[in-house]
Amino acid sequence: MTTENGPKGAVRAAMWPLILITSLFFFWGVANNLNDVLIPQFKKAFVLTDLQSSLVQSAFYLGYFFLALPAALVMRRFGYKAAVVLGLVLYAAGAFLFWPAAETHQYSFFLGALFVIASGLAFLETSANPLITVLGSPEKAAFRLNLAQSFNPLGAISGIFIGQHFILSGIEHDEASLGALDEAARQAFYVSEVKAVQGPYLLIGAVVLMWAVLVLLSKFPAAATRNSHEDTGEDIGAFESIKRLFSRPRFMFGVVAQFFYVGAQVGIWSFTIRYAQAELGLSEKAAASFLYYALIAFAVGRFAGTALMSRLSPRLILGGFALANIVLTLTGVIAGGETGLWALTAASFFMSVMFPTIFATSLQGLGNLTKTGSSFLVMAIVGGAALPMVMGFISDISHIRQAFLVTTACFAVITLYAFTASVNRKKEV
């Protein structure tokens, strides 16, 4: 007879917390991909250059960078559950800030609100990703994390749907038509475009805050609430953890690879609408449809890649997918037009497994350094702040097609990580 403390009882006890934590992958998918709609929306509403509009991603991913280590400290002291609750509260607060930002019509206020949202997501990603990897055998960590992250594309698709149908108005004025409007009509247009974000973000904030309450009131397994000392019996301190991580070249290369991966993903999705408008002359709503196609490809790739990992090495799959994306992004640069747009859309299929695979393979063997190591990998998400700015600058001084050379370079770094990480691992003591 199996007691409530036996295997079956443990599975039942973990089921509801597992549902709550898996939902987080959906929630941050919504927030991340709404940014891809905010870029053309704010470019229109505030009359911005590509470089200026890319600050949406910069403000967002800087939140990850600055709050990842504090998130790790919270996890070390209070456990995973506390970090999740705090992350959800920050996420909701940032979403609620969109209301006063629209009322004041200040682009900088929106950037601040996005920073707060991303601060919350830093807590969520720093806690949820390693929590998934430790709930089971180390050998299957990449498989489990890819499976959990399969819910992330559903959130991403939902974010694009919200943006396309409830934020983008479809009204686009060129310089001549804007100049023909009197000052009052022109300002009314700008105000209406800015205020389009209020309702969606207010609803998102309310749902996320409700989820924070559910997590707070729910009973979690001991692994979700233990601090680092209880996990291992050893309390080595945050600074000692950081020092030990820097002595592990394989892990540090994983951090670098994650930086370039996130930069590539954010860059491709941020400028897909601009690419479609520049290369094919599509309207903003028609161009946004290609984000749908990209995210569907991403979701299919996630499930396909997860299935392949039951047969092949995660690093082999990672390297092969990265090589495919070198070809596809170069096609976007060289061919342009409809061929280039479809190539960039197809790249999402091969990006699908990269984040969780880099994350899981980098954390392998870290033991009591896992929580701090997780924060480093989340800090690497700052690549989404830096590299889209580089792409925006290149686009402003040349053409949007040339900007995608940045993503080609990113996938070259990931290829190198994939095919050398196992070698580096053997050399580590």
Protein backbone atom coordinates (compact mmCIF):
# COMPACT_ATOMS: atom_id res chain seq x y z
CA MET A 1 0.00 0.00 0.00
CA THR A 2 1.36 3.44 -0.97
CA THR A 3 1.07 6.15 1.65
CA GLU A 4 0.46 9.79 0.97
CA ASN A 5 4.20 10.25 1.46
CA GLY A 6 5.03 7.59 -1.11
CA PRO A 7 5.66 8.07 -4.86
CA LYS A 8 1.99 8.34 -5.86
CA GLY A 9 1.27 10.77 -3.03
CA ALA A 10 4.25 12.88 -4.04
CA VAL A 11 3.04 13.05 -7.64
CA ARG A 12 -0.46 14.12 -6.54
CA ALA A 13 0.98 16.74 -4.19
CA ALA A 14 3.14 18.20 -6.95
CA MET A 15 0.48 18.29 -9.69
CA TRP A 16 -1.19 21.63 -8.80
CA PRO A 17 2.14 23.42 -8.16
CA LEU A 18 3.40 22.02 -11.47
CA ILE A 19 0.40 23.54 -13.27
CA LEU A 20 1.00 26.89 -11.58
CA ILE A 21 4.70 26.95 -12.45
CA THR A 22 4.21 25.74 -16.02
CA SER A 23 1.77 28.62 -16.54
CA LEU A 24 4.63 31.04 -15.91
CA PHE A 25 6.19 30.02 -19.21
CA PHE A 26 2.92 31.13 -20.86
CA PHE A 27 2.83 34.45 -18.97
CA TRP A 28 6.29 35.61 -19.90
CA GLY A 29 5.67 34.57 -23.51
CA VAL A 30 2.79 37.07 -23.58
CA ALA A 31 4.94 39.89 -22.19
CA ASN A 32 7.97 39.17 -24.38
CA ASN A 33 6.09 39.09 -27.66
CA LEU A 34 3.82 42.02 -26.97
CA ASN A 35 7.04 44.02 -27.22
CA ASP A 36 7.25 43.06 -30.90
CA VAL A 37 3.94 44.88 -31.40
CA LEU A 38 4.85 47.80 -29.14
CA ILE A 39 7.89 48.62 -31.29
CA PRO A 40 5.92 49.56 -34.45
CA GLN A 41 3.10 50.99 -32.29
CA PHE A 42 5.39 53.38 -30.39
CA LYS A 43 7.40 54.13 -33.54
CA LYS A 44 4.15 55.44 -35.03
CA ALA A 45 2.72 57.09 -31.90
CA PHE A 46 5.91 58.87 -30.83
CA VAL A 47 7.51 59.31 -34.30
CA LEU A 48 10.69 57.32 -33.55
CA THR A 49 13.64 56.02 -35.55
CA ASP A 50 14.40 52.28 -35.61
CA LEU A 51 17.13 52.84 -33.02
CA GLN A 52 14.79 54.77 -30.71
CA SER A 53 12.00 52.21 -31.05
CA SER A 54 14.45 49.41 -30.20
CA LEU A 55 14.75 50.96 -26.72
CA VAL A 56 11.53 49.06 -25.95
CA GLN A 57 13.61 45.88 -25.91
CA SER A 58 16.59 47.55 -24.26
CA ALA A 59 14.53 48.78 -21.29
CA PHE A 60 12.83 45.41 -21.06
CA TYR A 61 15.90 43.20 -21.09
CA LEU A 62 17.92 45.50 -18.83
CA GLY A 63 15.32 44.59 -16.21
CA TYR A 64 16.39 40.97 -16.58
CA PHE A 65 20.04 41.93 -16.29
CA PHE A 66 19.79 44.03 -13.13
CA LEU A 67 17.29 41.86 -11.24
CA ALA A 68 18.59 38.37 -12.01
CA LEU A 69 21.17 38.33 -9.22
CA PRO A 70 18.74 39.80 -6.64
CA ALA A 71 16.35 37.07 -7.72
CA ALA A 72 19.04 34.47 -7.03
CA LEU A 73 19.63 35.96 -3.58
CA VAL A 74 15.91 35.73 -2.80
CA MET A 75 15.91 32.10 -3.96
CA ARG A 76 18.96 31.28 -1.87
CA ARG A 77 17.39 32.80 1.22
CA PHE A 78 13.68 31.99 0.82
CA GLY A 79 13.41 29.35 -1.89
CA TYR A 80 11.85 29.17 -5.35
CA LYS A 81 8.24 29.87 -4.32
CA ALA A 82 9.03 33.25 -2.74
CA ALA A 83 10.87 34.34 -5.90
CA VAL A 84 7.88 33.33 -8.03
CA VAL A 85 5.40 35.33 -5.92
CA LEU A 86 7.60 38.44 -5.92
CA GLY A 87 8.13 38.11 -9.67
CA LEU A 88 4.40 37.95 -10.37
CA VAL A 89 3.75 41.02 -8.18
CA LEU A 90 6.40 43.02 -10.06
CA TYR A 91 5.03 41.84 -13.42
CA ALA A 92 1.52 43.01 -12.46
CA ALA A 93 2.82 46.35 -11.16
CA GLY A 94 4.62 47.07 -14.43
CA ALA A 95 1.51 46.23 -16.43
CA PHE A 96 -0.60 48.58 -14.28
CA LEU A 97 1.95 51.38 -14.90
CA PHE A 98 0.96 51.37 -18.58
CA TRP A 99 -2.22 53.26 -17.61
CA PRO A 100 -0.54 56.39 -16.18
CA ALA A 101 2.15 56.18 -18.86
CA ALA A 102 -0.53 56.49 -21.55
CA GLU A 103 -2.27 59.30 -19.66
CA THR A 104 0.94 61.33 -19.53
CA HIS A 105 1.91 60.40 -23.13
CA GLN A 106 5.55 59.87 -22.14
CA TYR A 107 7.68 57.33 -23.99
CA SER A 108 10.17 57.26 -21.10
CA PHE A 109 7.36 56.33 -18.69
CA PHE A 110 6.51 53.34 -20.88
CA LEU A 111 10.16 52.30 -20.89
CA GLY A 112 10.14 52.44 -17.09
CA ALA A 113 6.99 50.30 -16.94
CA LEU A 114 8.60 47.74 -19.25
CA PHE A 115 11.65 47.68 -16.99
CA VAL A 116 9.41 46.84 -14.01
CA ILE A 117 7.65 44.05 -15.95
CA ALA A 118 10.99 42.57 -16.94
CA SER A 119 12.21 42.82 -13.34
CA GLY A 120 9.34 40.55 -12.40
CA LEU A 121 10.12 38.20 -15.27
CA ALA A 122 13.73 38.01 -14.09
CA PHE A 123 12.45 36.54 -10.83
CA LEU A 124 10.12 34.17 -12.68
CA GLU A 125 12.69 32.87 -15.16
CA THR A 126 15.47 32.64 -12.59
CA SER A 127 13.26 30.48 -10.38
CA ALA A 128 11.07 28.48 -12.81
CA ASN A 129 13.81 27.27 -15.16
CA PRO A 130 16.10 25.67 -12.55
CA LEU A 131 13.10 24.36 -10.61
CA ILE A 132 12.12 22.36 -13.68
CA THR A 133 15.67 21.03 -14.12
CA VAL A 134 15.99 19.72 -10.55
CA LEU A 135 12.62 17.95 -10.51
CA GLY A 136 13.88 14.68 -11.89
CA SER A 137 17.03 13.01 -13.18
CA PRO A 138 19.86 15.28 -14.41
CA GLU A 139 20.07 13.30 -17.67
CA LYS A 140 16.54 14.32 -18.63
CA ALA A 141 16.82 17.95 -17.50
CA ALA A 142 17.01 19.35 -21.04
CA PHE A 143 14.03 17.21 -22.08
CA ARG A 144 11.89 18.39 -19.12
CA LEU A 145 12.77 22.03 -19.62
CA ASN A 146 12.01 21.89 -23.34
CA LEU A 147 8.67 20.26 -22.55
CA ALA A 148 7.77 22.96 -19.98
CA GLN A 149 8.92 25.68 -22.35
CA SER A 150 6.60 24.29 -25.01
CA PHE A 151 3.91 26.36 -23.31
CA ASN A 152 5.93 29.53 -23.89
CA PRO A 153 5.05 29.76 -27.62
CA LEU A 154 1.36 29.59 -26.71
CA GLY A 155 1.86 32.71 -24.61
CA ALA A 156 3.88 34.31 -27.40
CA ILE A 157 1.10 33.66 -29.93
CA SER A 158 -1.43 35.07 -27.46
CA GLY A 159 0.71 38.19 -27.07
CA ILE A 160 0.80 38.75 -30.82
CA PHE A 161 -2.97 38.15 -31.04
CA ILE A 162 -3.62 40.72 -28.29
CA GLY A 163 -1.32 43.21 -29.97
CA GLN A 164 -2.64 42.73 -33.48
CA HIS A 165 -6.33 42.89 -32.59
CA PHE A 166 -6.46 45.17 -29.55
CA ILE A 167 -3.45 47.51 -29.91
CA LEU A 168 -2.59 47.97 -33.59
CA SER A 169 -5.25 50.19 -35.15
CA GLY A 170 -4.31 49.60 -38.77
CA ILE A 171 -4.26 53.39 -39.29
CA GLU A 172 -0.96 54.39 -40.86
CA HIS A 173 -0.10 57.91 -41.96
CA ASP A 174 2.95 58.74 -44.04
CA GLU A 175 4.75 62.07 -43.57
CA ALA A 176 2.66 63.77 -46.24
CA SER A 177 -0.71 62.74 -44.80
CA LEU A 178 0.40 63.63 -41.27
CA GLY A 179 1.53 67.03 -42.52
CA ALA A 180 -1.88 67.59 -44.08
CA LEU A 181 -3.60 67.20 -40.70
CA ASP A 182 -4.06 70.23 -38.46
CA GLU A 183 -2.25 70.19 -35.11
CA ALA A 184 -5.31 69.12 -33.10
CA ALA A 185 -6.08 66.17 -35.40
CA ARG A 186 -2.45 65.09 -35.44
CA GLN A 187 -2.20 65.13 -31.64
CA ALA A 188 -5.51 63.28 -31.33
CA PHE A 189 -4.11 60.54 -33.58
CA TYR A 190 -0.96 60.22 -31.44
CA VAL A 191 -2.98 60.11 -28.21
CA SER A 192 -5.39 57.45 -29.49
CA GLU A 193 -2.49 55.25 -30.61
CA VAL A 194 -0.80 55.52 -27.22
CA LYS A 195 -3.97 54.85 -25.22
CA ALA A 196 -4.64 51.67 -27.20
CA VAL A 197 -2.26 49.84 -24.82
CA GLN A 198 -4.14 50.72 -21.62
CA GLY A 199 -6.93 48.13 -21.65
CA PRO A 200 -4.86 45.08 -22.64
CA TYR A 201 -2.16 45.77 -20.06
CA LEU A 202 -4.69 46.49 -17.31
CA LEU A 203 -6.27 43.07 -17.93
CA ILE A 204 -2.89 41.35 -18.04
CA GLY A 205 -1.92 42.95 -14.73
CA ALA A 206 -5.14 41.76 -13.07
CA VAL A 207 -4.68 38.15 -14.25
CA VAL A 208 -1.03 38.04 -13.19
CA LEU A 209 -1.83 39.48 -9.75
CA MET A 210 -4.52 36.83 -9.28
CA TRP A 211 -1.97 34.15 -10.17
CA ALA A 212 0.42 35.55 -7.54
CA VAL A 213 -2.30 35.04 -4.92
CA LEU A 214 -2.89 31.46 -6.11
CA VAL A 215 0.81 30.63 -5.86
CA LEU A 216 1.07 32.26 -2.43
CA LEU A 217 -1.87 30.29 -1.03
CA SER A 218 -0.95 26.94 -2.62
CA LYS A 219 1.09 24.25 -0.91
CA PHE A 220 4.33 23.43 -2.74
CA PRO A 221 6.78 20.51 -2.36
CA ALA A 222 9.67 21.11 0.01
CA ALA A 223 12.09 21.57 -2.91
CA ALA A 224 10.26 24.78 -3.87
CA THR A 225 10.57 26.43 -0.46
CA ARG A 226 13.95 25.27 0.85
CA ASN A 227 16.86 27.69 0.95
CA SER A 228 20.31 26.81 -0.38
CA HIS A 229 21.65 25.64 2.97
CA GLU A 230 18.73 23.23 3.40
CA ASP A 231 19.22 21.96 -0.16
CA THR A 232 22.85 20.95 0.25
CA GLY A 233 23.81 21.25 3.90
CA GLU A 234 26.47 23.73 2.79
CA ASP A 235 26.15 27.50 2.84
CA ILE A 236 28.97 28.81 0.68
CA GLY A 237 27.71 32.37 0.25
CA ALA A 238 26.77 34.33 -2.84
CA PHE A 239 30.21 35.76 -3.61
CA GLU A 240 31.92 32.40 -3.24
CA SER A 241 29.30 30.93 -5.60
CA ILE A 242 30.06 33.59 -8.20
CA LYS A 243 33.81 32.97 -7.84
CA ARG A 244 33.35 29.25 -8.39
CA LEU A 245 31.16 29.82 -11.45
CA PHE A 246 33.84 31.97 -13.10
CA SER A 247 36.24 29.05 -12.75
CA ARG A 248 34.00 26.89 -14.95
CA PRO A 249 34.67 27.77 -18.62
CA ARG A 250 31.95 25.48 -19.97
CA PHE A 251 29.32 27.22 -17.88
CA MET A 252 30.62 30.68 -18.77
CA PHE A 253 30.55 29.81 -22.48
CA GLY A 254 26.92 28.81 -21.92
CA VAL A 255 26.22 32.28 -20.52
CA VAL A 256 27.84 33.85 -23.61
CA ALA A 257 25.85 31.58 -25.92
CA GLN A 258 22.63 32.53 -24.11
CA PHE A 259 23.46 36.24 -24.54
CA PHE A 260 23.78 35.82 -28.30
CA TYR A 261 20.77 33.52 -28.58
CA VAL A 262 18.40 35.95 -26.86
CA GLY A 263 19.82 38.81 -28.90
CA ALA A 264 19.13 36.86 -32.11
CA GLN A 265 15.61 35.84 -31.10
CA VAL A 266 14.59 39.31 -29.96
CA GLY A 267 16.22 40.91 -32.99
CA ILE A 268 14.43 38.68 -35.50
CA TRP A 269 11.01 39.04 -33.88
CA SER A 270 11.42 42.77 -33.16
CA PHE A 271 12.17 43.67 -36.76
CA THR A 272 10.03 41.15 -38.64
CA ILE A 273 7.23 43.72 -39.07
CA ARG A 274 9.71 46.38 -40.23
CA TYR A 275 11.33 43.91 -42.64
CA ALA A 276 7.95 42.97 -44.14
CA GLN A 277 6.99 46.62 -44.53
CA ALA A 278 10.32 47.59 -46.10
CA GLU A 279 10.70 44.58 -48.40
CA LEU A 280 7.09 43.92 -49.43
CA GLY A 281 5.26 47.15 -48.56
CA LEU A 282 2.82 45.33 -46.26
CA SER A 283 0.57 47.12 -43.79
CA GLU A 284 1.40 46.76 -40.10
CA LYS A 285 -1.43 44.29 -39.50
CA ALA A 286 -0.53 42.17 -42.53
CA ALA A 287 3.12 42.24 -41.50
CA ALA A 288 2.19 41.17 -37.97
CA SER A 289 0.72 37.98 -39.45
CA PHE A 290 4.27 36.82 -40.17
CA LEU A 291 4.93 36.95 -36.43
CA TYR A 292 2.06 34.50 -36.07
CA TYR A 293 3.64 32.19 -38.61
CA ALA A 294 7.01 32.51 -36.87
CA LEU A 295 5.54 31.65 -33.49
CA ILE A 296 3.63 28.69 -34.88
CA ALA A 297 6.91 27.46 -36.39
CA PHE A 298 8.54 28.08 -33.00
CA ALA A 299 5.89 26.00 -31.21
CA VAL A 300 6.14 23.15 -33.72
CA GLY A 301 9.94 23.25 -33.47
CA ARG A 302 9.77 23.08 -29.68
CA PHE A 303 7.68 19.91 -29.71
CA ALA A 304 9.70 18.38 -32.56
CA GLY A 305 13.00 19.22 -30.89
CA THR A 306 11.80 17.81 -27.56
CA ALA A 307 10.83 14.57 -29.29
CA LEU A 308 14.24 14.36 -30.99
CA MET A 309 15.97 14.73 -27.64
CA SER A 310 14.67 11.32 -26.59
CA ARG A 311 16.88 9.88 -29.35
CA LEU A 312 19.72 12.35 -29.97
CA SER A 313 22.10 14.45 -27.87
CA PRO A 314 20.64 17.89 -26.99
CA ARG A 315 23.93 19.52 -28.02
CA LEU A 316 23.88 17.80 -31.42
CA ILE A 317 20.35 19.09 -32.03
CA LEU A 318 21.35 22.56 -30.82
CA GLY A 319 24.34 22.68 -33.18
CA GLY A 320 22.37 21.44 -36.18
CA PHE A 321 19.57 23.94 -35.60
CA ALA A 322 22.07 26.79 -35.21
CA LEU A 323 23.73 25.90 -38.51
CA ALA A 324 20.33 25.93 -40.22
CA ASN A 325 19.69 29.41 -38.90
CA ILE A 326 23.00 30.71 -40.20
CA VAL A 327 21.77 29.75 -43.67
CA LEU A 328 18.27 31.18 -43.15
CA THR A 329 19.37 34.55 -41.76
CA LEU A 330 21.92 34.95 -44.55
CA THR A 331 19.07 34.28 -46.99
CA GLY A 332 17.14 37.11 -45.33
CA VAL A 333 20.10 39.43 -45.87
CA ILE A 334 21.04 38.40 -49.41
CA ALA A 335 17.75 37.43 -51.05
CA GLY A 336 15.38 39.92 -49.42
CA GLY A 337 11.79 40.19 -50.57
CA GLU A 338 9.32 37.41 -49.98
CA THR A 339 12.06 34.74 -49.99
CA GLY A 340 13.99 36.56 -47.30
CA LEU A 341 10.88 37.12 -45.19
CA TRP A 342 9.90 33.46 -45.28
CA ALA A 343 13.48 32.46 -44.47
CA LEU A 344 13.46 34.65 -41.36
CA THR A 345 10.07 33.25 -40.43
CA ALA A 346 11.36 29.69 -40.77
CA ALA A 347 14.29 30.53 -38.50
CA SER A 348 11.88 30.45 -35.57
CA PHE A 349 11.44 26.69 -35.99
CA PHE A 350 15.16 26.20 -35.37
CA MET A 351 15.36 28.78 -32.57
CA SER A 352 12.76 26.85 -30.61
CA VAL A 353 15.01 24.55 -28.58
CA MET A 354 17.93 26.92 -28.11
CA PHE A 355 17.10 28.79 -24.91
CA PRO A 356 16.12 25.77 -22.77
CA THR A 357 18.87 23.57 -24.21
CA ILE A 358 21.59 26.13 -23.51
CA PHE A 359 20.07 26.72 -20.08
CA ALA A 360 19.90 23.05 -19.09
CA THR A 361 23.26 22.00 -20.53
CA SER A 362 24.99 24.94 -18.87
CA LEU A 363 23.57 24.03 -15.45
CA GLN A 364 24.57 20.36 -15.63
CA GLY A 365 26.82 19.40 -12.77
CA LEU A 366 26.64 22.71 -10.88
CA GLY A 367 25.14 21.20 -7.73
CA ASN A 368 24.78 23.88 -5.05
CA LEU A 369 25.82 26.52 -7.60
CA THR A 370 22.64 25.93 -9.60
CA LYS A 371 20.59 28.84 -8.20
CA THR A 372 23.37 31.39 -8.71
CA GLY A 373 24.22 29.86 -12.09
CA SER A 374 20.60 30.23 -13.12
CA SER A 375 20.75 33.95 -12.36
CA PHE A 376 23.80 34.32 -14.63
CA LEU A 377 21.92 32.66 -17.47
CA VAL A 378 18.96 34.96 -16.92
CA MET A 379 21.30 37.98 -16.80
CA ALA A 380 22.51 36.87 -20.22
CA ILE A 381 19.06 37.77 -21.50
CA VAL A 382 20.45 41.32 -21.63
CA GLY A 383 21.50 40.29 -25.14
CA GLY A 384 17.92 41.15 -26.02
CA ALA A 385 18.64 44.72 -24.93
CA ALA A 386 22.00 45.18 -26.63
CA LEU A 387 21.81 43.43 -30.00
CA PRO A 388 18.46 44.84 -31.24
CA MET A 389 19.94 48.31 -30.63
CA VAL A 390 22.86 47.36 -32.87
CA MET A 391 20.38 46.13 -35.48
CA GLY A 392 18.36 49.35 -35.20
CA PHE A 393 21.52 51.42 -35.69
CA ILE A 394 22.57 49.40 -38.74
CA SER A 395 19.05 49.71 -40.18
CA ASP A 396 19.06 53.49 -39.72
CA ILE A 397 22.41 53.97 -41.46
CA SER A 398 21.95 51.36 -44.22
CA HIS A 399 18.95 49.02 -44.63
CA ILE A 400 16.91 46.65 -42.51
CA ARG A 401 18.26 43.66 -44.48
CA GLN A 402 21.86 44.35 -43.45
CA ALA A 403 20.78 44.51 -39.81
CA PHE A 404 20.08 40.77 -39.84
CA LEU A 405 23.80 40.03 -40.27
CA VAL A 406 23.91 40.52 -36.50
CA THR A 407 21.68 37.46 -36.05
CA THR A 408 23.87 35.40 -38.37
CA ALA A 409 26.86 36.13 -36.14
CA CYS A 410 24.81 35.15 -33.08
CA PHE A 411 23.98 31.73 -34.48
CA ALA A 412 27.65 31.18 -35.33
CA VAL A 413 28.52 31.62 -31.63
CA ILE A 414 25.77 29.17 -30.63
CA THR A 415 27.07 26.62 -33.14
CA LEU A 416 30.52 26.89 -31.59
CA TYR A 417 29.08 26.39 -28.09
CA ALA A 418 27.06 23.37 -29.15
CA PHE A 419 29.97 21.51 -30.71
CA THR A 420 32.61 22.42 -28.10
CA ALA A 421 30.66 22.40 -24.81
CA SER A 422 31.02 18.65 -24.27
CA VAL A 423 34.77 18.92 -24.91
CA ASN A 424 35.10 21.76 -22.41
CA ARG A 425 33.13 19.76 -19.87
CA LYS A 426 35.62 16.91 -19.96
CA LYS A 427 38.46 19.33 -19.27
CA GLU A 428 36.80 20.83 -16.18
CA VAL A 429 37.62 19.51 -12.78
